Amino acid sequence: MHDIWNPWHGYVKCVESKVTFVFCGTGRRFVKDNRLYKIEKNFLQSQQAFKSGLNFQGKPIEFKLYDKWGRIVSDEELYKPYYRERCQTCSMKLICNGCSQCGKCDSFPKNRGGQI
């Protein structure tokens, strides 16, 4: 097999350092246990990356945000992301700002899981 990058190595380093790691997608050609998988569709690449369990939430970053008058912005005033059903198996959810509710998901058949 080719000498390729293994997501496990990045995952281990990030866990050791308490840094967030996102395995966002397998790519079109993915090798696991010396077997080559060909995954053409982007949404399937993302789903397979999610199923790997290699995403890791590191130490949270704390921000002190101020409004234009110099007052600290409260947690209640902060943006709260919205996620749709299809987002639950997306490998990018950990670092995503949420769904923009553009409507693209509604145009896909349910048997495809609403994936793009």
Protein backbone atom coordinates (compact mmCIF):
# COMPACT_ATOMS: atom_id res chain seq x y z
CA MET A 1 0.00 0.00 0.00
CA HIS A 2 1.00 3.62 -0.44
CA ASP A 3 2.57 5.57 2.40
CA ILE A 4 -0.44 7.72 3.27
CA TRP A 5 -1.50 9.93 6.16
CA ASN A 6 -3.43 8.10 8.84
CA PRO A 7 -6.03 10.19 10.71
CA TRP A 8 -5.36 8.15 13.87
CA HIS A 9 -1.94 9.82 14.30
CA GLY A 10 -3.45 13.32 14.21
CA TYR A 11 -6.23 12.25 16.56
CA VAL A 12 -3.80 10.88 19.17
CA LYS A 13 -1.64 14.04 19.12
CA CYS A 14 -4.69 16.28 19.55
CA VAL A 15 -6.11 14.20 22.41
CA GLU A 16 -2.73 14.31 24.18
CA SER A 17 -2.63 18.10 23.77
CA LYS A 18 -6.36 18.63 24.50
CA VAL A 19 -6.79 20.30 21.09
CA THR A 20 -9.94 19.80 19.00
CA PHE A 21 -9.51 17.31 16.16
CA VAL A 22 -11.99 16.95 13.31
CA PHE A 23 -11.69 14.10 10.83
CA CYS A 24 -13.80 15.93 8.26
CA GLY A 25 -13.84 13.36 5.48
CA THR A 26 -12.23 10.20 4.22
CA GLY A 27 -11.49 11.46 0.74
CA ARG A 28 -12.37 9.49 -2.38
CA ARG A 29 -9.83 6.77 -1.67
CA PHE A 30 -9.51 5.61 1.92
CA VAL A 31 -7.37 2.77 3.26
CA LYS A 32 -8.38 0.96 6.44
CA ASP A 33 -6.92 -2.36 7.59
CA ASN A 34 -5.00 -2.59 4.29
CA ARG A 35 -8.25 -2.43 2.33
CA LEU A 36 -8.92 0.34 -0.19
CA TYR A 37 -12.38 1.92 -0.04
CA LYS A 38 -13.65 4.07 -2.91
CA ILE A 39 -16.16 6.64 -1.67
CA GLU A 40 -17.22 9.03 -4.43
CA LYS A 41 -19.95 11.12 -2.77
CA ASN A 42 -18.86 13.91 -0.41
CA PHE A 43 -21.70 13.35 2.06
CA LEU A 44 -20.73 9.67 2.36
CA GLN A 45 -17.08 10.64 2.95
CA SER A 46 -18.21 12.92 5.78
CA GLN A 47 -20.55 10.31 7.26
CA GLN A 48 -17.84 7.65 7.23
CA ALA A 49 -15.42 10.05 8.92
CA PHE A 50 -18.07 10.72 11.60
CA LYS A 51 -18.66 6.99 12.11
CA SER A 52 -14.93 6.47 12.69
CA GLY A 53 -15.28 8.15 16.10
CA LEU A 54 -12.08 10.12 15.53
CA ASN A 55 -13.52 13.57 16.27
CA PHE A 56 -12.39 15.01 19.59
CA GLN A 57 -13.58 18.13 21.44
CA GLY A 58 -10.51 19.72 23.00
CA LYS A 59 -10.28 22.26 25.77
CA PRO A 60 -12.88 24.97 25.12
CA ILE A 61 -11.70 28.42 24.14
CA GLU A 62 -13.13 31.14 26.33
CA PHE A 63 -13.85 34.48 24.74
CA LYS A 64 -14.67 37.76 26.49
CA LEU A 65 -16.80 39.63 24.01
CA TYR A 66 -17.76 43.27 24.43
CA ASP A 67 -20.47 45.32 22.76
CA LYS A 68 -19.78 48.74 21.22
CA TRP A 69 -20.36 50.40 24.62
CA GLY A 70 -17.72 48.27 26.33
CA ARG A 71 -20.12 45.97 28.18
CA ILE A 72 -19.49 42.22 28.32
CA VAL A 73 -21.87 40.30 26.04
CA SER A 74 -23.83 37.77 28.11
CA ASP A 75 -24.24 34.09 27.19
CA GLU A 76 -27.93 34.74 26.48
CA GLU A 77 -27.00 37.30 23.81
CA LEU A 78 -24.58 35.02 21.97
CA TYR A 79 -25.40 33.23 18.75
CA LYS A 80 -26.83 29.73 19.29
CA PRO A 81 -26.29 27.39 16.33
CA TYR A 82 -29.21 25.47 14.85
CA TYR A 83 -28.68 21.95 13.51
CA ARG A 84 -30.99 19.90 11.31
CA GLU A 85 -31.39 16.13 11.36
CA ARG A 86 -28.77 15.64 8.63
CA CYS A 87 -26.23 17.54 10.74
CA GLN A 88 -26.24 14.86 13.44
CA THR A 89 -24.00 12.53 11.38
CA CYS A 90 -21.83 15.19 9.77
CA SER A 91 -18.18 15.04 10.78
CA MET A 92 -17.93 18.86 10.67
CA LYS A 93 -20.62 19.49 13.31
CA LEU A 94 -17.99 19.87 16.04
CA ILE A 95 -16.63 23.04 14.39
CA CYS A 96 -19.70 24.12 12.42
CA ASN A 97 -21.65 27.34 13.00
CA GLY A 98 -24.90 25.50 12.31
CA CYS A 99 -27.41 25.26 9.53
CA SER A 100 -28.17 28.36 7.46
CA GLN A 101 -31.62 26.88 6.69
CA CYS A 102 -31.10 27.44 2.97
CA GLY A 103 -33.60 24.70 2.09
CA LYS A 104 -31.23 22.46 0.09
CA CYS A 105 -31.81 19.55 2.50
CA ASP A 106 -35.55 19.61 1.78
CA SER A 107 -34.97 18.79 -1.90
CA PHE A 108 -33.30 15.43 -1.22
CA PRO A 109 -35.22 12.17 -0.89
CA LYS A 110 -35.59 10.82 2.64
CA ASN A 111 -33.99 7.49 1.68
CA ARG A 112 -30.71 9.36 1.18
CA GLY A 113 -30.91 10.71 4.70
CA GLY A 114 -31.41 14.26 3.49
CA GLN A 115 -27.72 14.41 2.59
CA ILE A 116 -26.20 16.64 -0.04
